Amino acid sequence: MKKVILGATGSIGSTLAKNLVNSGNEVHLVGRDEPSLSSLANELNSSFTTCDMLEENFTDKILSDLE
């Protein structure tokens, strides 16, 4: 089961994602900064969703990307 990390490009989110991956977990990164998300996703071999949590139906977008 993938762990979803909201705010993945911030210092806490990116550190959490790296620690989870280093512990053998799969993560799905979520954030607003697509270049930073893409870079981190490549580094961690993870999937990602670019969105703002203030957007209407942002959860639908994340769920769609997880399928």
Protein backbone atom coordinates (compact mmCIF):
# COMPACT_ATOMS: atom_id res chain seq x y z
CA MET A 1 0.00 0.00 0.00
CA LYS A 2 1.39 3.40 -0.97
CA LYS A 3 1.70 6.13 1.60
CA VAL A 4 0.38 9.50 0.34
CA ILE A 5 2.56 12.45 1.33
CA LEU A 6 0.81 15.83 1.11
CA GLY A 7 3.16 18.81 0.89
CA ALA A 8 5.90 16.51 -0.37
CA THR A 9 8.21 19.26 -1.61
CA GLY A 10 8.46 20.99 1.76
CA SER A 11 11.25 20.12 4.15
CA ILE A 12 9.10 17.95 6.41
CA GLY A 13 7.23 16.26 3.55
CA SER A 14 10.36 15.46 1.54
CA THR A 15 12.21 14.18 4.60
CA LEU A 16 9.24 12.00 5.54
CA ALA A 17 9.00 10.64 1.99
CA LYS A 18 12.73 9.82 1.90
CA ASN A 19 12.59 8.11 5.29
CA LEU A 20 9.57 6.04 4.27
CA VAL A 21 11.21 4.96 1.01
CA ASN A 22 14.45 4.12 2.84
CA SER A 23 12.35 1.93 5.17
CA GLY A 24 10.97 -0.02 2.22
CA ASN A 25 7.65 1.79 1.72
CA GLU A 26 6.13 3.01 -1.53
CA VAL A 27 5.04 6.65 -1.53
CA HIS A 28 2.85 8.87 -3.69
CA LEU A 29 3.91 12.50 -3.54
CA VAL A 30 1.44 15.41 -3.65
CA GLY A 31 2.23 19.10 -3.96
CA ARG A 32 1.89 22.26 -6.03
CA ASP A 33 5.42 22.60 -7.43
CA GLU A 34 5.56 20.25 -10.41
CA PRO A 35 9.30 20.62 -11.19
CA SER A 36 10.22 19.88 -7.56
CA LEU A 37 7.73 17.02 -7.33
CA SER A 38 8.99 15.48 -10.54
CA SER A 39 12.59 15.71 -9.36
CA LEU A 40 11.81 14.15 -5.97
CA ALA A 41 9.65 11.45 -7.58
CA ASN A 42 12.51 10.54 -9.89
CA GLU A 43 14.93 10.43 -6.97
CA LEU A 44 12.59 8.16 -4.97
CA ASN A 45 11.19 6.21 -7.94
CA SER A 46 7.71 7.32 -6.84
CA SER A 47 4.49 8.50 -8.41
CA PHE A 48 3.16 12.00 -7.85
CA THR A 49 0.18 14.32 -8.27
CA THR A 50 0.47 18.04 -8.84
CA CYS A 51 -2.44 19.86 -7.23
CA ASP A 52 -3.40 22.41 -4.62
CA MET A 53 -5.37 21.12 -1.64
CA LEU A 54 -7.57 24.21 -1.92
CA GLU A 55 -8.79 23.04 -5.35
CA GLU A 56 -12.26 21.58 -5.46
CA ASN A 57 -12.13 17.76 -5.76
CA PHE A 58 -8.37 17.59 -5.22
CA THR A 59 -8.85 14.17 -3.62
CA ASP A 60 -10.40 12.85 -6.83
CA LYS A 61 -7.31 13.91 -8.74
CA ILE A 62 -5.03 12.11 -6.28
CA LEU A 63 -7.15 8.96 -6.32
CA SER A 64 -7.20 8.98 -10.11
CA ASP A 65 -3.39 9.15 -10.21
CA LEU A 66 -3.12 6.28 -7.72
CA GLU A 67 -5.13 3.90 -9.91
